[in-house]
Amino acid sequence: MASLAALCERAQAIRQEAAVVRSETVRLSHESAAAARELRRHRETFADTVSRSQAVRRELPTWPAWAGPDKAELRLTLVPLE
């Protein structure tokens, strides 16, 4: 049979361990939430960048602005049909 003092010490140790685990859980939860916010911000920035890039690409001419396509370039774009 264990003494009452030993049982009290063991209970106190278990309470302290539980408090440490709870504080670690809270810390990790806060870190996880911060990482999720950061990821969301990066994804929004990436989506904005992609949409801006697509808009710019749609506005660009298919041929250089300083010169239209020459006949050789046009021939390269044609596909023979058989």
N, C-alpha and C. Protein backbone atom coordinates (compact mmCIF):
# COMPACT_ATOMS: atom_id res chain seq x y z
N MET A 1 0.84 -1.16 0.00
CA MET A 1 0.00 0.00 0.00
C MET A 1 0.89 1.24 0.00
N ALA A 2 0.57 2.20 -0.86
CA ALA A 2 1.38 3.41 -0.98
C ALA A 2 0.98 4.39 0.11
N SER A 3 1.96 5.16 0.50
CA SER A 3 1.67 6.16 1.54
C SER A 3 0.91 7.32 0.94
N LEU A 4 0.20 8.03 1.78
CA LEU A 4 -0.59 9.17 1.35
C LEU A 4 0.30 10.26 0.77
N ALA A 5 1.46 10.47 1.33
CA ALA A 5 2.39 11.50 0.85
C ALA A 5 2.86 11.16 -0.57
N ALA A 6 3.14 9.89 -0.82
CA ALA A 6 3.60 9.48 -2.15
C ALA A 6 2.48 9.67 -3.18
N LEU A 7 1.26 9.34 -2.78
CA LEU A 7 0.13 9.53 -3.69
C LEU A 7 -0.08 11.02 -4.01
N CYS A 8 0.06 11.85 -3.00
CA CYS A 8 -0.09 13.31 -3.21
C CYS A 8 1.00 13.84 -4.12
N GLU A 9 2.24 13.37 -3.94
CA GLU A 9 3.34 13.80 -4.80
C GLU A 9 3.11 13.37 -6.24
N ARG A 10 2.64 12.14 -6.39
CA ARG A 10 2.37 11.62 -7.73
C ARG A 10 1.25 12.42 -8.40
N ALA A 11 0.21 12.74 -7.66
CA ALA A 11 -0.90 13.54 -8.21
C ALA A 11 -0.42 14.93 -8.60
N GLN A 12 0.42 15.52 -7.79
CA GLN A 12 0.98 16.85 -8.11
C GLN A 12 1.83 16.79 -9.37
N ALA A 13 2.63 15.76 -9.52
CA ALA A 13 3.47 15.59 -10.72
C ALA A 13 2.60 15.43 -11.96
N ILE A 14 1.54 14.65 -11.84
CA ILE A 14 0.64 14.45 -12.98
C ILE A 14 -0.05 15.76 -13.35
N ARG A 15 -0.47 16.55 -12.35
CA ARG A 15 -1.09 17.86 -12.64
C ARG A 15 -0.11 18.77 -13.36
N GLN A 16 1.14 18.77 -12.91
CA GLN A 16 2.14 19.63 -13.56
C GLN A 16 2.39 19.19 -15.01
N GLU A 17 2.47 17.89 -15.22
CA GLU A 17 2.65 17.38 -16.57
C GLU A 17 1.46 17.76 -17.46
N ALA A 18 0.27 17.65 -16.92
CA ALA A 18 -0.93 18.02 -17.70
C ALA A 18 -0.93 19.50 -18.04
N ALA A 19 -0.49 20.34 -17.09
CA ALA A 19 -0.41 21.78 -17.35
C ALA A 19 0.60 22.08 -18.45
N VAL A 20 1.73 21.39 -18.44
CA VAL A 20 2.75 21.58 -19.48
C VAL A 20 2.19 21.15 -20.84
N VAL A 21 1.51 20.03 -20.88
CA VAL A 21 0.93 19.54 -22.13
C VAL A 21 -0.12 20.52 -22.65
N ARG A 22 -0.98 21.04 -21.75
CA ARG A 22 -1.99 22.01 -22.17
C ARG A 22 -1.35 23.28 -22.72
N SER A 23 -0.32 23.79 -22.06
CA SER A 23 0.32 25.01 -22.55
C SER A 23 1.01 24.77 -23.90
N GLU A 24 1.59 23.60 -24.07
CA GLU A 24 2.21 23.26 -25.36
C GLU A 24 1.15 23.15 -26.45
N THR A 25 0.01 22.56 -26.10
CA THR A 25 -1.09 22.45 -27.06
C THR A 25 -1.59 23.83 -27.47
N VAL A 26 -1.72 24.73 -26.52
CA VAL A 26 -2.17 26.09 -26.83
C VAL A 26 -1.15 26.78 -27.73
N ARG A 27 0.15 26.64 -27.41
CA ARG A 27 1.19 27.26 -28.22
C ARG A 27 1.16 26.74 -29.66
N LEU A 28 1.06 25.43 -29.79
CA LEU A 28 1.02 24.84 -31.13
C LEU A 28 -0.25 25.24 -31.88
N SER A 29 -1.34 25.39 -31.18
CA SER A 29 -2.59 25.82 -31.81
C SER A 29 -2.44 27.24 -32.36
N HIS A 30 -1.82 28.12 -31.57
CA HIS A 30 -1.60 29.49 -32.04
C HIS A 30 -0.65 29.51 -33.24
N GLU A 31 0.39 28.70 -33.19
CA GLU A 31 1.32 28.63 -34.32
C GLU A 31 0.62 28.11 -35.57
N SER A 32 -0.22 27.11 -35.40
CA SER A 32 -0.95 26.55 -36.53
C SER A 32 -1.89 27.58 -37.14
N ALA A 33 -2.59 28.33 -36.30
CA ALA A 33 -3.49 29.37 -36.81
C ALA A 33 -2.71 30.45 -37.54
N ALA A 34 -1.56 30.84 -37.01
CA ALA A 34 -0.73 31.85 -37.67
C ALA A 34 -0.23 31.33 -39.02
N ALA A 35 0.17 30.06 -39.07
CA ALA A 35 0.64 29.48 -40.33
C ALA A 35 -0.50 29.40 -41.35
N ALA A 36 -1.70 29.08 -40.89
CA ALA A 36 -2.85 29.02 -41.80
C ALA A 36 -3.17 30.41 -42.35
N ARG A 37 -3.10 31.43 -41.50
CA ARG A 37 -3.33 32.80 -41.99
C ARG A 37 -2.27 33.20 -43.01
N GLU A 38 -1.02 32.86 -42.73
CA GLU A 38 0.07 33.19 -43.65
C GLU A 38 -0.12 32.46 -44.98
N LEU A 39 -0.49 31.19 -44.93
CA LEU A 39 -0.73 30.43 -46.15
C LEU A 39 -1.88 31.04 -46.95
N ARG A 40 -2.95 31.42 -46.27
CA ARG A 40 -4.09 32.05 -46.95
C ARG A 40 -3.66 33.36 -47.63
N ARG A 41 -2.85 34.15 -46.92
CA ARG A 41 -2.38 35.41 -47.50
C ARG A 41 -1.51 35.15 -48.72
N HIS A 42 -0.63 34.15 -48.65
CA HIS A 42 0.23 33.82 -49.80
C HIS A 42 -0.61 33.32 -50.97
N ARG A 43 -1.63 32.51 -50.70
CA ARG A 43 -2.48 32.01 -51.78
C ARG A 43 -3.25 33.15 -52.45
N GLU A 44 -3.74 34.10 -51.65
CA GLU A 44 -4.45 35.25 -52.22
C GLU A 44 -3.51 36.09 -53.08
N THR A 45 -2.29 36.30 -52.59
CA THR A 45 -1.30 37.06 -53.36
C THR A 45 -0.97 36.33 -54.65
N PHE A 46 -0.81 35.02 -54.58
CA PHE A 46 -0.51 34.23 -55.77
C PHE A 46 -1.66 34.32 -56.77
N ALA A 47 -2.89 34.21 -56.28
CA ALA A 47 -4.05 34.28 -57.18
C ALA A 47 -4.13 35.65 -57.84
N ASP A 48 -3.86 36.71 -57.08
CA ASP A 48 -3.86 38.06 -57.67
C ASP A 48 -2.78 38.19 -58.74
N THR A 49 -1.61 37.67 -58.46
CA THR A 49 -0.50 37.74 -59.42
C THR A 49 -0.83 36.97 -60.69
N VAL A 50 -1.42 35.79 -60.54
CA VAL A 50 -1.78 34.99 -61.71
C VAL A 50 -2.84 35.71 -62.54
N SER A 51 -3.84 36.27 -61.89
CA SER A 51 -4.90 36.96 -62.65
C SER A 51 -4.34 38.20 -63.35
N ARG A 52 -3.43 38.92 -62.69
CA ARG A 52 -2.80 40.08 -63.36
C ARG A 52 -1.97 39.62 -64.55
N SER A 53 -1.23 38.53 -64.38
CA SER A 53 -0.41 38.01 -65.48
C SER A 53 -1.28 37.57 -66.66
N GLN A 54 -2.39 36.94 -66.37
CA GLN A 54 -3.28 36.51 -67.44
C GLN A 54 -3.88 37.71 -68.16
N ALA A 55 -4.23 38.75 -67.41
CA ALA A 55 -4.77 39.95 -68.04
C ALA A 55 -3.74 40.61 -68.94
N VAL A 56 -2.50 40.69 -68.47
CA VAL A 56 -1.43 41.28 -69.28
C VAL A 56 -1.21 40.44 -70.53
N ARG A 57 -1.20 39.11 -70.38
CA ARG A 57 -0.98 38.23 -71.53
C ARG A 57 -2.09 38.41 -72.56
N ARG A 58 -3.33 38.59 -72.13
CA ARG A 58 -4.43 38.78 -73.08
C ARG A 58 -4.29 40.09 -73.82
N GLU A 59 -3.72 41.10 -73.18
CA GLU A 59 -3.57 42.42 -73.80
C GLU A 59 -2.39 42.50 -74.75
N LEU A 60 -1.43 41.61 -74.62
CA LEU A 60 -0.25 41.66 -75.47
C LEU A 60 -0.60 41.22 -76.89
N PRO A 61 0.00 41.86 -77.88
CA PRO A 61 -0.23 41.41 -79.26
C PRO A 61 0.47 40.07 -79.48
N THR A 62 -0.07 39.32 -80.42
CA THR A 62 0.56 38.03 -80.69
C THR A 62 1.82 38.20 -81.51
N TRP A 63 1.92 39.30 -82.25
CA TRP A 63 3.13 39.60 -83.00
C TRP A 63 3.78 40.82 -82.37
N PRO A 64 5.07 41.00 -82.56
CA PRO A 64 5.73 42.17 -81.98
C PRO A 64 5.07 43.47 -82.45
N ALA A 65 4.97 44.42 -81.57
CA ALA A 65 4.30 45.68 -81.89
C ALA A 65 5.07 46.48 -82.94
N TRP A 66 6.37 46.29 -83.01
CA TRP A 66 7.17 47.08 -83.95
C TRP A 66 7.15 46.53 -85.36
N ALA A 67 6.67 45.32 -85.55
CA ALA A 67 6.62 44.76 -86.90
C ALA A 67 5.60 43.63 -86.94
N GLY A 68 4.88 43.59 -88.01
CA GLY A 68 3.94 42.49 -88.20
C GLY A 68 4.69 41.24 -88.57
N PRO A 69 4.00 40.13 -88.68
CA PRO A 69 4.67 38.89 -89.04
C PRO A 69 5.12 38.91 -90.50
N ASP A 70 6.29 38.36 -90.72
CA ASP A 70 6.72 38.25 -92.12
C ASP A 70 6.21 36.92 -92.69
N LYS A 71 6.40 36.74 -93.97
CA LYS A 71 5.84 35.56 -94.63
C LYS A 71 6.45 34.26 -94.10
N ALA A 72 7.74 34.29 -93.77
CA ALA A 72 8.39 33.07 -93.27
C ALA A 72 7.78 32.66 -91.93
N GLU A 73 7.54 33.64 -91.04
CA GLU A 73 6.93 33.32 -89.76
C GLU A 73 5.51 32.79 -89.94
N LEU A 74 4.79 33.38 -90.89
CA LEU A 74 3.44 32.90 -91.15
C LEU A 74 3.45 31.46 -91.65
N ARG A 75 4.41 31.13 -92.50
CA ARG A 75 4.49 29.76 -93.01
C ARG A 75 4.78 28.77 -91.89
N LEU A 76 5.57 29.20 -90.91
CA LEU A 76 5.89 28.30 -89.80
C LEU A 76 4.66 28.00 -88.94
N THR A 77 3.70 28.88 -88.95
CA THR A 77 2.51 28.68 -88.12
C THR A 77 1.45 27.85 -88.83
N LEU A 78 1.60 27.64 -90.15
CA LEU A 78 0.60 26.87 -90.89
C LEU A 78 0.84 25.39 -90.73
N VAL A 79 -0.23 24.66 -90.66
CA VAL A 79 -0.15 23.20 -90.55
C VAL A 79 -0.71 22.62 -91.83
N PRO A 80 0.08 21.79 -92.52
CA PRO A 80 -0.45 21.20 -93.76
C PRO A 80 -1.60 20.23 -93.47
N LEU A 81 -2.61 20.34 -94.26
CA LEU A 81 -3.75 19.44 -94.15
C LEU A 81 -3.67 18.43 -95.28
N GLU A 82 -3.80 17.19 -94.95
CA GLU A 82 -3.73 16.15 -95.96
C GLU A 82 -4.99 15.37 -96.01
